[in-house]
Amino acid sequence: MPSASIVAQFRAHPVATTLEVGSVIVCVFLFVATFLLLASGPPVGAGMPWLVIIGVGAVFVVFWTALVPLYERVVGFD
């Protein structure tokens, strides 16, 4: 099966491709940010960077486990 380029996928399915590429970017951000914060030691003070990582991760999980399936059910995708 020939692999389609990202541009061809975007033209065929712009919303799905945007969501998938955005998800990869969020995952890479969460991984790198977590690694850098772990390397810098335990949180000091309010720990705002840790709260940002937790918040972004929570929104990401809720989006893919609740909102996307709900949207697919309402719109009627199989």
PDB file of N, CA and C in Angstrom:
ATOM      1  N   MET A   1       0.849  -1.177   0.000  1.00  0.00           N
ATOM      2  CA  MET A   1       0.000   0.000   0.000  1.00  0.00           C
ATOM      3  C   MET A   1       0.897   1.244   0.000  1.00  0.00           C
ATOM      4  N   PRO A   2       0.737   2.124  -0.962  1.00  0.00           N
ATOM      5  CA  PRO A   2       1.566   3.330  -0.989  1.00  0.00           C
ATOM      6  C   PRO A   2       1.183   4.265   0.156  1.00  0.00           C
ATOM      7  N   SER A   3       2.190   4.883   0.727  1.00  0.00           N
ATOM      8  CA  SER A   3       1.900   5.799   1.821  1.00  0.00           C
ATOM      9  C   SER A   3       1.615   7.188   1.265  1.00  0.00           C
ATOM     10  N   ALA A   4       0.537   7.782   1.731  1.00  0.00           N
ATOM     11  CA  ALA A   4       0.145   9.117   1.270  1.00  0.00           C
ATOM     12  C   ALA A   4       0.935  10.167   2.049  1.00  0.00           C
ATOM     13  N   SER A   5       1.252  11.246   1.393  1.00  0.00           N
ATOM     14  CA  SER A   5       1.954  12.325   2.075  1.00  0.00           C
ATOM     15  C   SER A   5       0.993  13.032   3.024  1.00  0.00           C
ATOM     16  N   ILE A   6       1.555  13.772   3.916  1.00  0.00           N
ATOM     17  CA  ILE A   6       0.737  14.499   4.889  1.00  0.00           C
ATOM     18  C   ILE A   6      -0.134  15.530   4.186  1.00  0.00           C
ATOM     19  N   VAL A   7       0.370  16.097   3.096  1.00  0.00           N
ATOM     20  CA  VAL A   7      -0.405  17.080   2.341  1.00  0.00           C
ATOM     21  C   VAL A   7      -1.617  16.420   1.689  1.00  0.00           C
ATOM     22  N   ALA A   8      -1.411  15.229   1.124  1.00  0.00           N
ATOM     23  CA  ALA A   8      -2.525  14.511   0.499  1.00  0.00           C
ATOM     24  C   ALA A   8      -3.560  14.107   1.543  1.00  0.00           C
ATOM     25  N   GLN A   9      -3.097  13.668   2.704  1.00  0.00           N
ATOM     26  CA  GLN A   9      -4.028  13.325   3.778  1.00  0.00           C
ATOM     27  C   GLN A   9      -4.798  14.548   4.237  1.00  0.00           C
ATOM     28  N   PHE A  10      -4.110  15.691   4.335  1.00  0.00           N
ATOM     29  CA  PHE A  10      -4.780  16.916   4.766  1.00  0.00           C
ATOM     30  C   PHE A  10      -5.849  17.336   3.764  1.00  0.00           C
ATOM     31  N   ARG A  11      -5.553  17.203   2.484  1.00  0.00           N
ATOM     32  CA  ARG A  11      -6.547  17.565   1.462  1.00  0.00           C
ATOM     33  C   ARG A  11      -7.758  16.648   1.512  1.00  0.00           C
ATOM     34  N   ALA A  12      -7.528  15.361   1.775  1.00  0.00           N
ATOM     35  CA  ALA A  12      -8.629  14.395   1.817  1.00  0.00           C
ATOM     36  C   ALA A  12      -9.447  14.514   3.102  1.00  0.00           C
ATOM     37  N   HIS A  13      -8.769  14.718   4.239  1.00  0.00           N
ATOM     38  CA  HIS A  13      -9.432  14.763   5.546  1.00  0.00           C
ATOM     39  C   HIS A  13      -8.782  15.852   6.406  1.00  0.00           C
ATOM     40  N   PRO A  14      -9.129  17.117   6.178  1.00  0.00           N
ATOM     41  CA  PRO A  14      -8.425  18.194   6.885  1.00  0.00           C
ATOM     42  C   PRO A  14      -8.615  18.181   8.399  1.00  0.00           C
ATOM     43  N   VAL A  15      -9.822  17.904   8.865  1.00  0.00           N
ATOM     44  CA  VAL A  15     -10.066  17.942  10.313  1.00  0.00           C
ATOM     45  C   VAL A  15      -9.354  16.787  11.001  1.00  0.00           C
ATOM     46  N   ALA A  16      -9.494  15.589  10.468  1.00  0.00           N
ATOM     47  CA  ALA A  16      -8.859  14.417  11.074  1.00  0.00           C
ATOM     48  C   ALA A  16      -7.337  14.550  11.082  1.00  0.00           C
ATOM     49  N   THR A  17      -6.779  15.023   9.972  1.00  0.00           N
ATOM     50  CA  THR A  17      -5.326  15.180   9.901  1.00  0.00           C
ATOM     51  C   THR A  17      -4.843  16.227  10.889  1.00  0.00           C
ATOM     52  N   THR A  18      -5.561  17.321  11.015  1.00  0.00           N
ATOM     53  CA  THR A  18      -5.192  18.359  11.975  1.00  0.00           C
ATOM     54  C   THR A  18      -5.230  17.825  13.396  1.00  0.00           C
ATOM     55  N   LEU A  19      -6.270  17.068  13.729  1.00  0.00           N
ATOM     56  CA  LEU A  19      -6.372  16.483  15.067  1.00  0.00           C
ATOM     57  C   LEU A  19      -5.230  15.507  15.338  1.00  0.00           C
ATOM     58  N   GLU A  20      -4.900  14.683  14.361  1.00  0.00           N
ATOM     59  CA  GLU A  20      -3.840  13.702  14.559  1.00  0.00           C
ATOM     60  C   GLU A  20      -2.467  14.361  14.685  1.00  0.00           C
ATOM     61  N   VAL A  21      -2.177  15.319  13.828  1.00  0.00           N
ATOM     62  CA  VAL A  21      -0.889  16.017  13.911  1.00  0.00           C
ATOM     63  C   VAL A  21      -0.815  16.820  15.208  1.00  0.00           C
ATOM     64  N   GLY A  22      -1.916  17.464  15.575  1.00  0.00           N
ATOM     65  CA  GLY A  22      -1.960  18.192  16.842  1.00  0.00           C
ATOM     66  C   GLY A  22      -1.747  17.281  18.032  1.00  0.00           C
ATOM     67  N   SER A  23      -2.302  16.077  17.971  1.00  0.00           N
ATOM     68  CA  SER A  23      -2.115  15.118  19.055  1.00  0.00           C
ATOM     69  C   SER A  23      -0.661  14.701  19.192  1.00  0.00           C
ATOM     70  N   VAL A  24      -0.005  14.487  18.064  1.00  0.00           N
ATOM     71  CA  VAL A  24       1.418  14.136  18.103  1.00  0.00           C
ATOM     72  C   VAL A  24       2.219  15.275  18.726  1.00  0.00           C
ATOM     73  N   ILE A  25       1.910  16.496  18.348  1.00  0.00           N
ATOM     74  CA  ILE A  25       2.625  17.659  18.890  1.00  0.00           C
ATOM     75  C   ILE A  25       2.400  17.772  20.392  1.00  0.00           C
ATOM     76  N   VAL A  26       1.164  17.580  20.839  1.00  0.00           N
ATOM     77  CA  VAL A  26       0.868  17.642  22.284  1.00  0.00           C
ATOM     78  C   VAL A  26       1.619  16.543  23.023  1.00  0.00           C
ATOM     79  N   CYS A  27       1.639  15.336  22.474  1.00  0.00           N
ATOM     80  CA  CYS A  27       2.348  14.226  23.120  1.00  0.00           C
ATOM     81  C   CYS A  27       3.847  14.512  23.225  1.00  0.00           C
ATOM     82  N   VAL A  28       4.424  15.031  22.162  1.00  0.00           N
ATOM     83  CA  VAL A  28       5.854  15.363  22.195  1.00  0.00           C
ATOM     84  C   VAL A  28       6.110  16.458  23.230  1.00  0.00           C
ATOM     85  N   PHE A  29       5.246  17.479  23.270  1.00  0.00           N
ATOM     86  CA  PHE A  29       5.391  18.543  24.262  1.00  0.00           C
ATOM     87  C   PHE A  29       5.324  17.985  25.679  1.00  0.00           C
ATOM     88  N   LEU A  30       4.335  17.135  25.947  1.00  0.00           N
ATOM     89  CA  LEU A  30       4.195  16.566  27.290  1.00  0.00           C
ATOM     90  C   LEU A  30       5.406  15.727  27.673  1.00  0.00           C
ATOM     91  N   PHE A  31       5.911  14.937  26.740  1.00  0.00           N
ATOM     92  CA  PHE A  31       7.085  14.112  27.025  1.00  0.00           C
ATOM     93  C   PHE A  31       8.303  14.974  27.330  1.00  0.00           C
ATOM     94  N   VAL A  32       8.588  15.934  26.460  1.00  0.00           N
ATOM     95  CA  VAL A  32       9.776  16.778  26.636  1.00  0.00           C
ATOM     96  C   VAL A  32       9.652  17.621  27.902  1.00  0.00           C
ATOM     97  N   ALA A  33       8.492  18.221  28.126  1.00  0.00           N
ATOM     98  CA  ALA A  33       8.301  19.056  29.312  1.00  0.00           C
ATOM     99  C   ALA A  33       8.434  18.235  30.588  1.00  0.00           C
ATOM    100  N   THR A  34       7.859  17.044  30.607  1.00  0.00           N
ATOM    101  CA  THR A  34       7.977  16.188  31.791  1.00  0.00           C
ATOM    102  C   THR A  34       9.431  15.794  32.023  1.00  0.00           C
ATOM    103  N   PHE A  35      10.127  15.414  30.975  1.00  0.00           N
ATOM    104  CA  PHE A  35      11.533  15.042  31.099  1.00  0.00           C
ATOM    105  C   PHE A  35      12.370  16.210  31.634  1.00  0.00           C
ATOM    106  N   LEU A  36      12.148  17.401  31.092  1.00  0.00           N
ATOM    107  CA  LEU A  36      12.916  18.566  31.550  1.00  0.00           C
ATOM    108  C   LEU A  36      12.602  18.919  32.999  1.00  0.00           C
ATOM    109  N   LEU A  37      11.335  18.826  33.381  1.00  0.00           N
ATOM    110  CA  LEU A  37      10.985  19.130  34.768  1.00  0.00           C
ATOM    111  C   LEU A  37      11.525  18.080  35.731  1.00  0.00           C
ATOM    112  N   LEU A  38      11.515  16.829  35.329  1.00  0.00           N
ATOM    113  CA  LEU A  38      12.103  15.792  36.187  1.00  0.00           C
ATOM    114  C   LEU A  38      13.602  16.000  36.339  1.00  0.00           C
ATOM    115  N   ALA A  39      14.259  16.444  35.273  1.00  0.00           N
ATOM    116  CA  ALA A  39      15.699  16.689  35.326  1.00  0.00           C
ATOM    117  C   ALA A  39      16.040  17.894  36.193  1.00  0.00           C
ATOM    118  N   SER A  40      15.097  18.827  36.341  1.00  0.00           N
ATOM    119  CA  SER A  40      15.373  20.029  37.129  1.00  0.00           C
ATOM    120  C   SER A  40      15.128  19.832  38.620  1.00  0.00           C
ATOM    121  N   GLY A  41      14.611  18.690  39.012  1.00  0.00           N
ATOM    122  CA  GLY A  41      14.408  18.414  40.432  1.00  0.00           C
ATOM    123  C   GLY A  41      12.955  18.561  40.838  1.00  0.00           C
ATOM    124  N   PRO A  42      12.698  18.371  42.130  1.00  0.00           N
ATOM    125  CA  PRO A  42      11.317  18.440  42.616  1.00  0.00           C
ATOM    126  C   PRO A  42      10.756  19.858  42.506  1.00  0.00           C
ATOM    127  N   PRO A  43       9.439  19.977  42.450  1.00  0.00           N
ATOM    128  CA  PRO A  43       8.844  21.313  42.336  1.00  0.00           C
ATOM    129  C   PRO A  43       9.135  22.164  43.566  1.00  0.00           C
ATOM    130  N   VAL A  44       9.355  23.435  43.306  1.00  0.00           N
ATOM    131  CA  VAL A  44       9.627  24.387  44.376  1.00  0.00           C
ATOM    132  C   VAL A  44       8.543  25.454  44.327  1.00  0.00           C
ATOM    133  N   GLY A  45       8.011  25.813  45.479  1.00  0.00           N
ATOM    134  CA  GLY A  45       6.963  26.830  45.521  1.00  0.00           C
ATOM    135  C   GLY A  45       5.642  26.271  45.047  1.00  0.00           C
ATOM    136  N   ALA A  46       4.961  27.018  44.181  1.00  0.00           N
ATOM    137  CA  ALA A  46       3.627  26.631  43.715  1.00  0.00           C
ATOM    138  C   ALA A  46       3.682  25.476  42.718  1.00  0.00           C
ATOM    139  N   GLY A  47       4.801  25.250  42.066  1.00  0.00           N
ATOM    140  CA  GLY A  47       4.912  24.169  41.096  1.00  0.00           C
ATOM    141  C   GLY A  47       4.068  24.402  39.855  1.00  0.00           C
ATOM    142  N   MET A  48       4.009  25.654  39.416  1.00  0.00           N
ATOM    143  CA  MET A  48       3.172  26.000  38.276  1.00  0.00           C
ATOM    144  C   MET A  48       3.496  25.210  37.003  1.00  0.00           C
ATOM    145  N   PRO A  49       4.758  24.967  36.647  1.00  0.00           N
ATOM    146  CA  PRO A  49       5.025  24.177  35.441  1.00  0.00           C
ATOM    147  C   PRO A  49       4.415  22.768  35.517  1.00  0.00           C
ATOM    148  N   TRP A  50       4.453  22.158  36.691  1.00  0.00           N
ATOM    149  CA  TRP A  50       3.848  20.837  36.856  1.00  0.00           C
ATOM    150  C   TRP A  50       2.337  20.910  36.683  1.00  0.00           C
ATOM    151  N   LEU A  51       1.731  21.963  37.189  1.00  0.00           N
ATOM    152  CA  LEU A  51       0.280  22.112  37.035  1.00  0.00           C
ATOM    153  C   LEU A  51      -0.108  22.303  35.571  1.00  0.00           C
ATOM    154  N   VAL A  52       0.731  22.993  34.807  1.00  0.00           N
ATOM    155  CA  VAL A  52       0.473  23.170  33.376  1.00  0.00           C
ATOM    156  C   VAL A  52       0.523  21.823  32.662  1.00  0.00           C
ATOM    157  N   ILE A  53       1.526  21.019  32.976  1.00  0.00           N
ATOM    158  CA  ILE A  53       1.636  19.698  32.346  1.00  0.00           C
ATOM    159  C   ILE A  53       0.430  18.828  32.705  1.00  0.00           C
ATOM    160  N   ILE A  54       0.038  18.838  33.965  1.00  0.00           N
ATOM    161  CA  ILE A  54      -1.115  18.049  34.393  1.00  0.00           C
ATOM    162  C   ILE A  54      -2.389  18.548  33.708  1.00  0.00           C
ATOM    163  N   GLY A  55      -2.555  19.857  33.621  1.00  0.00           N
ATOM    164  CA  GLY A  55      -3.737  20.422  32.974  1.00  0.00           C
ATOM    165  C   GLY A  55      -3.809  20.092  31.497  1.00  0.00           C
ATOM    166  N   VAL A  56      -2.696  20.242  30.789  1.00  0.00           N
ATOM    167  CA  VAL A  56      -2.668  19.927  29.357  1.00  0.00           C
ATOM    168  C   VAL A  56      -2.939  18.439  29.145  1.00  0.00           C
ATOM    169  N   GLY A  57      -2.331  17.591  29.960  1.00  0.00           N
ATOM    170  CA  GLY A  57      -2.556  16.155  29.856  1.00  0.00           C
ATOM    171  C   GLY A  57      -3.997  15.777  30.133  1.00  0.00           C
ATOM    172  N   ALA A  58      -4.602  16.397  31.141  1.00  0.00           N
ATOM    173  CA  ALA A  58      -5.996  16.099  31.473  1.00  0.00           C
ATOM    174  C   ALA A  58      -6.937  16.527  30.358  1.00  0.00           C
ATOM    175  N   VAL A  59      -6.719  17.696  29.796  1.00  0.00           N
ATOM    176  CA  VAL A  59      -7.558  18.164  28.689  1.00  0.00           C
ATOM    177  C   VAL A  59      -7.391  17.237  27.481  1.00  0.00           C
ATOM    178  N   PHE A  60      -6.173  16.812  27.213  1.00  0.00           N
ATOM    179  CA  PHE A  60      -5.898  15.910  26.098  1.00  0.00           C
ATOM    180  C   PHE A  60      -6.636  14.582  26.271  1.00  0.00           C
ATOM    181  N   VAL A  61      -6.593  14.023  27.461  1.00  0.00           N
ATOM    182  CA  VAL A  61      -7.258  12.746  27.728  1.00  0.00           C
ATOM    183  C   VAL A  61      -8.774  12.882  27.630  1.00  0.00           C
ATOM    184  N   VAL A  62      -9.327  13.934  28.219  1.00  0.00           N
ATOM    185  CA  VAL A  62     -10.778  14.135  28.152  1.00  0.00           C
ATOM    186  C   VAL A  62     -11.220  14.338  26.709  1.00  0.00           C
ATOM    187  N   PHE A  63     -10.432  15.069  25.939  1.00  0.00           N
ATOM    188  CA  PHE A  63     -10.781  15.295  24.536  1.00  0.00           C
ATOM    189  C   PHE A  63     -10.912  13.986  23.783  1.00  0.00           C
ATOM    190  N   TRP A  64      -9.883  13.113  23.882  1.00  0.00           N
ATOM    191  CA  TRP A  64      -9.895  11.882  23.087  1.00  0.00           C
ATOM    192  C   TRP A  64     -10.789  10.790  23.660  1.00  0.00           C
ATOM    193  N   THR A  65     -11.010  10.774  24.973  1.00  0.00           N
ATOM    194  CA  THR A  65     -11.811   9.686  25.541  1.00  0.00           C
ATOM    195  C   THR A  65     -13.275  10.044  25.732  1.00  0.00           C
ATOM    196  N   ALA A  66     -13.611  11.315  25.715  1.00  0.00           N
ATOM    197  CA  ALA A  66     -15.005  11.707  25.931  1.00  0.00           C
ATOM    198  C   ALA A  66     -15.573  12.511  24.767  1.00  0.00           C
ATOM    199  N   LEU A  67     -14.905  13.558  24.365  1.00  0.00           N
ATOM    200  CA  LEU A  67     -15.473  14.452  23.360  1.00  0.00           C
ATOM    201  C   LEU A  67     -15.470  13.863  21.952  1.00  0.00           C
ATOM    202  N   VAL A  68     -14.391  13.242  21.542  1.00  0.00           N
ATOM    203  CA  VAL A  68     -14.343  12.661  20.199  1.00  0.00           C
ATOM    204  C   VAL A  68     -15.363  11.535  20.039  1.00  0.00           C
ATOM    205  N   PRO A  69     -15.444  10.566  20.971  1.00  0.00           N
ATOM    206  CA  PRO A  69     -16.487   9.537  20.819  1.00  0.00           C
ATOM    207  C   PRO A  69     -17.905  10.106  20.862  1.00  0.00           C
ATOM    208  N   LEU A  70     -18.129  11.108  21.690  1.00  0.00           N
ATOM    209  CA  LEU A  70     -19.447  11.745  21.742  1.00  0.00           C
ATOM    210  C   LEU A  70     -19.776  12.402  20.406  1.00  0.00           C
ATOM    211  N   TYR A  71     -18.817  13.104  19.837  1.00  0.00           N
ATOM    212  CA  TYR A  71     -19.015  13.734  18.531  1.00  0.00           C
ATOM    213  C   TYR A  71     -19.302  12.683  17.453  1.00  0.00           C
ATOM    214  N   GLU A  72     -18.534  11.596  17.466  1.00  0.00           N
ATOM    215  CA  GLU A  72     -18.754  10.538  16.472  1.00  0.00           C
ATOM    216  C   GLU A  72     -20.135   9.907  16.623  1.00  0.00           C
ATOM    217  N   ARG A  73     -20.586   9.758  17.851  1.00  0.00           N
ATOM    218  CA  ARG A  73     -21.911   9.169  18.073  1.00  0.00           C
ATOM    219  C   ARG A  73     -23.008  10.114  17.608  1.00  0.00           C
ATOM    220  N   VAL A  74     -22.860  11.408  17.871  1.00  0.00           N
ATOM    221  CA  VAL A  74     -23.883  12.377  17.479  1.00  0.00           C
ATOM    222  C   VAL A  74     -23.916  12.537  15.959  1.00  0.00           C
ATOM    223  N   VAL A  75     -22.734  12.628  15.343  1.00  0.00           N
ATOM    224  CA  VAL A  75     -22.669  12.825  13.899  1.00  0.00           C
ATOM    225  C   VAL A  75     -23.008  11.524  13.169  1.00  0.00           C
ATOM    226  N   GLY A  76     -22.712  10.383  13.774  1.00  0.00           N
ATOM    227  CA  GLY A  76     -23.072   9.114  13.183  1.00  0.00           C
ATOM    228  C   GLY A  76     -21.978   8.405  12.434  1.00  0.00           C
ATOM    229  N   PHE A  77     -20.708   8.685  12.770  1.00  0.00           N
ATOM    230  CA  PHE A  77     -19.611   7.949  12.156  1.00  0.00           C
ATOM    231  C   PHE A  77     -19.581   6.540  12.710  1.00  0.00           C
ATOM    232  N   ASP A  78     -19.145   5.588  11.889  1.00  0.00           N
ATOM    233  CA  ASP A  78     -19.025   4.212  12.365  1.00  0.00           C
ATOM    234  C   ASP A  78     -17.577   3.806  12.482  1.00  0.00           C
TER     235      ASP A  78
END
